[in-house]
C-alpha atoms as a PDB file:
ATOM      1  CA  MET A   1      18.595  13.467  -1.560  1.00  0.00           C
ATOM      2  CA  ALA A   2      14.890  12.613  -1.390  1.00  0.00           C
ATOM      3  CA  GLY A   3      12.859  12.477   1.781  1.00  0.00           C
ATOM      4  CA  VAL A   4      10.982   9.519   3.212  1.00  0.00           C
ATOM      5  CA  SER A   5       7.724   9.509   5.156  1.00  0.00           C
ATOM      6  CA  ILE A   6       7.848   6.554   7.527  1.00  0.00           C
ATOM      7  CA  ILE A   7       4.333   5.618   8.589  1.00  0.00           C
ATOM      8  CA  THR A   8       4.219   3.585  11.783  1.00  0.00           C
ATOM      9  CA  ILE A   9       0.991   1.941  12.901  1.00  0.00           C
ATOM     10  CA  VAL A  10       0.748   1.122  16.606  1.00  0.00           C
ATOM     11  CA  LYS A  11      -1.786  -0.009  19.187  1.00  0.00           C
ATOM     12  CA  ASP A  12      -0.932  -1.161  22.721  1.00  0.00           C
ATOM     13  CA  HIS A  13       2.751  -1.668  21.914  1.00  0.00           C
ATOM     14  CA  VAL A  14       4.929   0.940  23.643  1.00  0.00           C
ATOM     15  CA  ASN A  15       8.115  -1.142  23.534  1.00  0.00           C
ATOM     16  CA  GLY A  16       7.654  -1.870  19.842  1.00  0.00           C
ATOM     17  CA  LEU A  17       7.127   1.823  19.109  1.00  0.00           C
ATOM     18  CA  MET A  18      10.316   2.704  20.946  1.00  0.00           C
ATOM     19  CA  ASP A  19      12.267  -0.014  19.104  1.00  0.00           C
ATOM     20  CA  THR A  20      11.043   1.240  15.723  1.00  0.00           C
ATOM     21  CA  HIS A  21      11.816   4.873  16.573  1.00  0.00           C
ATOM     22  CA  GLU A  22      15.324   3.948  17.742  1.00  0.00           C
ATOM     23  CA  SER A  23      15.924   2.024  14.516  1.00  0.00           C
ATOM     24  CA  ILE A  24      14.893   5.073  12.470  1.00  0.00           C
ATOM     25  CA  LEU A  25      17.140   7.378  14.491  1.00  0.00           C
ATOM     26  CA  LYS A  26      20.143   5.174  13.667  1.00  0.00           C
ATOM     27  CA  GLN A  27      19.669   5.538   9.912  1.00  0.00           C
ATOM     28  CA  THR A  28      22.421   7.298   7.944  1.00  0.00           C
ATOM     29  CA  HIS A  29      19.731   8.922   5.770  1.00  0.00           C
ATOM     30  CA  SER A  30      18.422  11.813   7.847  1.00  0.00           C
ATOM     31  CA  ASP A  31      15.753  13.285   5.543  1.00  0.00           C
ATOM     32  CA  TRP A  32      12.748  11.508   7.005  1.00  0.00           C
ATOM     33  CA  GLU A  33       9.561  12.134   8.908  1.00  0.00           C
ATOM     34  CA  MET A  34       7.935   9.577  11.181  1.00  0.00           C
ATOM     35  CA  LEU A  35       4.156   9.598  11.130  1.00  0.00           C
ATOM     36  CA  ILE A  36       2.838   7.575  14.055  1.00  0.00           C
ATOM     37  CA  VAL A  37      -0.783   6.486  13.715  1.00  0.00           C
ATOM     38  CA  VAL A  38      -2.016   5.346  17.121  1.00  0.00           C
ATOM     39  CA  GLY A  39      -5.052   3.106  17.427  1.00  0.00           C
ATOM     40  CA  THR A  40      -7.169   3.263  20.584  1.00  0.00           C
ATOM     41  CA  SER A  41      -4.747   1.868  23.152  1.00  0.00           C
ATOM     42  CA  SER A  42      -5.259   0.842  26.757  1.00  0.00           C
ATOM     43  CA  ASP A  43      -1.603   1.388  27.689  1.00  0.00           C
ATOM     44  CA  SER A  44       0.692   4.428  27.441  1.00  0.00           C
ATOM     45  CA  THR A  45       1.258   4.144  23.678  1.00  0.00           C
ATOM     46  CA  LEU A  46      -0.365   7.487  22.850  1.00  0.00           C
ATOM     47  CA  ALA A  47       1.471   9.332  25.638  1.00  0.00           C
ATOM     48  CA  THR A  48       4.773   7.802  24.534  1.00  0.00           C
ATOM     49  CA  ALA A  49       4.125   8.798  20.918  1.00  0.00           C
ATOM     50  CA  ARG A  50       3.328  12.356  22.030  1.00  0.00           C
ATOM     51  CA  THR A  51       6.602  12.472  23.998  1.00  0.00           C
ATOM     52  CA  LEU A  52       8.549  11.395  20.890  1.00  0.00           C
ATOM     53  CA  GLU A  53       6.729  14.110  18.928  1.00  0.00           C
ATOM     54  CA  SER A  54       7.564  16.786  21.505  1.00  0.00           C
ATOM     55  CA  HIS A  55      11.287  15.926  21.355  1.00  0.00           C
ATOM     56  CA  ASP A  56      11.727  15.635  17.577  1.00  0.00           C
ATOM     57  CA  HIS A  57      10.107  17.906  14.972  1.00  0.00           C
ATOM     58  CA  ARG A  58      10.300  15.060  12.416  1.00  0.00           C
ATOM     59  CA  VAL A  59       7.788  12.983  14.422  1.00  0.00           C
ATOM     60  CA  LYS A  60       4.059  13.613  13.994  1.00  0.00           C
ATOM     61  CA  VAL A  61       1.305  11.746  15.850  1.00  0.00           C
ATOM     62  CA  LEU A  62      -2.181  11.029  14.610  1.00  0.00           C
ATOM     63  CA  GLU A  63      -4.886   9.373  16.685  1.00  0.00           C
ATOM     64  CA  GLN A  64      -6.580   6.879  14.392  1.00  0.00           C
ATOM     65  CA  LYS A  65     -10.130   7.876  13.513  1.00  0.00           C
ATOM     66  CA  GLY A  66     -11.181   4.772  11.584  1.00  0.00           C
ATOM     67  CA  ASP A  67     -10.837   1.066  12.169  1.00  0.00           C
ATOM     68  CA  GLY A  68      -8.212  -1.466  11.245  1.00  0.00           C
ATOM     69  CA  ILE A  69      -4.662  -1.401  10.052  1.00  0.00           C
ATOM     70  CA  TYR A  70      -5.513  -0.441   6.468  1.00  0.00           C
ATOM     71  CA  GLY A  71      -7.553   2.521   7.646  1.00  0.00           C
ATOM     72  CA  ALA A  72      -4.615   3.604   9.795  1.00  0.00           C
ATOM     73  CA  MET A  73      -2.249   3.276   6.830  1.00  0.00           C
ATOM     74  CA  ASN A  74      -4.523   5.472   4.705  1.00  0.00           C
ATOM     75  CA  GLU A  75      -4.777   8.079   7.466  1.00  0.00           C
ATOM     76  CA  GLY A  76      -0.979   8.178   7.623  1.00  0.00           C
ATOM     77  CA  LEU A  77      -0.743   8.560   3.850  1.00  0.00           C
ATOM     78  CA  GLN A  78      -2.890  11.693   4.038  1.00  0.00           C
ATOM     79  CA  LEU A  79      -0.208  13.350   6.202  1.00  0.00           C
ATOM     80  CA  ALA A  80       2.836  12.121   4.258  1.00  0.00           C
ATOM     81  CA  ARG A  81       4.824  14.955   2.678  1.00  0.00           C
ATOM     82  CA  ALA A  82       7.975  13.244   1.465  1.00  0.00           C
ATOM     83  CA  GLU A  83       8.754  11.895  -1.987  1.00  0.00           C
ATOM     84  CA  PHE A  84       8.797   8.282  -0.779  1.00  0.00           C
ATOM     85  CA  VAL A  85       6.677   6.391   1.767  1.00  0.00           C
ATOM     86  CA  TRP A  86       7.836   3.496   3.954  1.00  0.00           C
ATOM     87  CA  PHE A  87       5.471   1.537   6.213  1.00  0.00           C
ATOM     88  CA  MET A  88       6.739   0.093   9.489  1.00  0.00           C
ATOM     89  CA  ASN A  89       4.558  -1.427  12.165  1.00  0.00           C
ATOM     90  CA  ALA A  90       5.545  -0.850  15.783  1.00  0.00           C
ATOM     91  CA  GLY A  91       8.296  -3.330  16.574  1.00  0.00           C
ATOM     92  CA  ASP A  92       9.732  -3.345  13.047  1.00  0.00           C
ATOM     93  CA  LYS A  93      13.413  -2.459  12.738  1.00  0.00           C
ATOM     94  CA  PHE A  94      15.728  -1.774   9.838  1.00  0.00           C
ATOM     95  CA  ALA A  95      18.182  -4.596   9.152  1.00  0.00           C
ATOM     96  CA  ALA A  96      21.089  -2.141   8.832  1.00  0.00           C
ATOM     97  CA  VAL A  97      21.746   1.544   9.491  1.00  0.00           C
ATOM     98  CA  ASP A  98      22.047   2.406   5.792  1.00  0.00           C
ATOM     99  CA  ILE A  99      18.843   0.790   4.489  1.00  0.00           C
ATOM    100  CA  LEU A 100      16.965   4.063   3.923  1.00  0.00           C
ATOM    101  CA  GLU A 101      19.967   5.633   2.227  1.00  0.00           C
ATOM    102  CA  LYS A 102      20.423   2.682  -0.135  1.00  0.00           C
ATOM    103  CA  ALA A 103      16.695   2.504  -0.902  1.00  0.00           C
ATOM    104  CA  VAL A 104      16.447   6.216  -1.705  1.00  0.00           C
ATOM    105  CA  ILE A 105      19.513   6.054  -3.959  1.00  0.00           C
ATOM    106  CA  GLU A 106      18.154   3.021  -5.786  1.00  0.00           C
ATOM    107  CA  MET A 107      14.667   4.471  -6.224  1.00  0.00           C
ATOM    108  CA  SER A 108      16.061   7.834  -7.360  1.00  0.00           C
ATOM    109  CA  HIS A 109      18.340   6.209  -9.960  1.00  0.00           C
ATOM    110  CA  ARG A 110      15.414   4.244 -11.355  1.00  0.00           C
ATOM    111  CA  ASN A 111      13.057   7.248 -11.327  1.00  0.00           C
ATOM    112  CA  ILE A 112      10.623   5.463  -9.031  1.00  0.00           C
ATOM    113  CA  GLY A 113       8.113   7.836  -7.506  1.00  0.00           C
END
């Protein structure tokens, strides 16, 4: 089954980052990487992201170099290695535990790249 690069953009939103990470962990599709792009934050967002990275080899953290959400998305895309890309802002959650699995199956059957 195909892999998914999940790019998560976050700035000053530790609880949202944790919620999004937890939602990803619950997915039945396990071939994913989480690329966390952290904007300049005044709280512990970067430290929390680094802790997630140190506990799970599928999590990679990038400190945003540019400005704005679209710049952060592009920076995340440069690191993405999987066949498919999924964007989730900090605080976003999957509606069900099998969403990634269903999406990958559907995209694979339709030859969507």
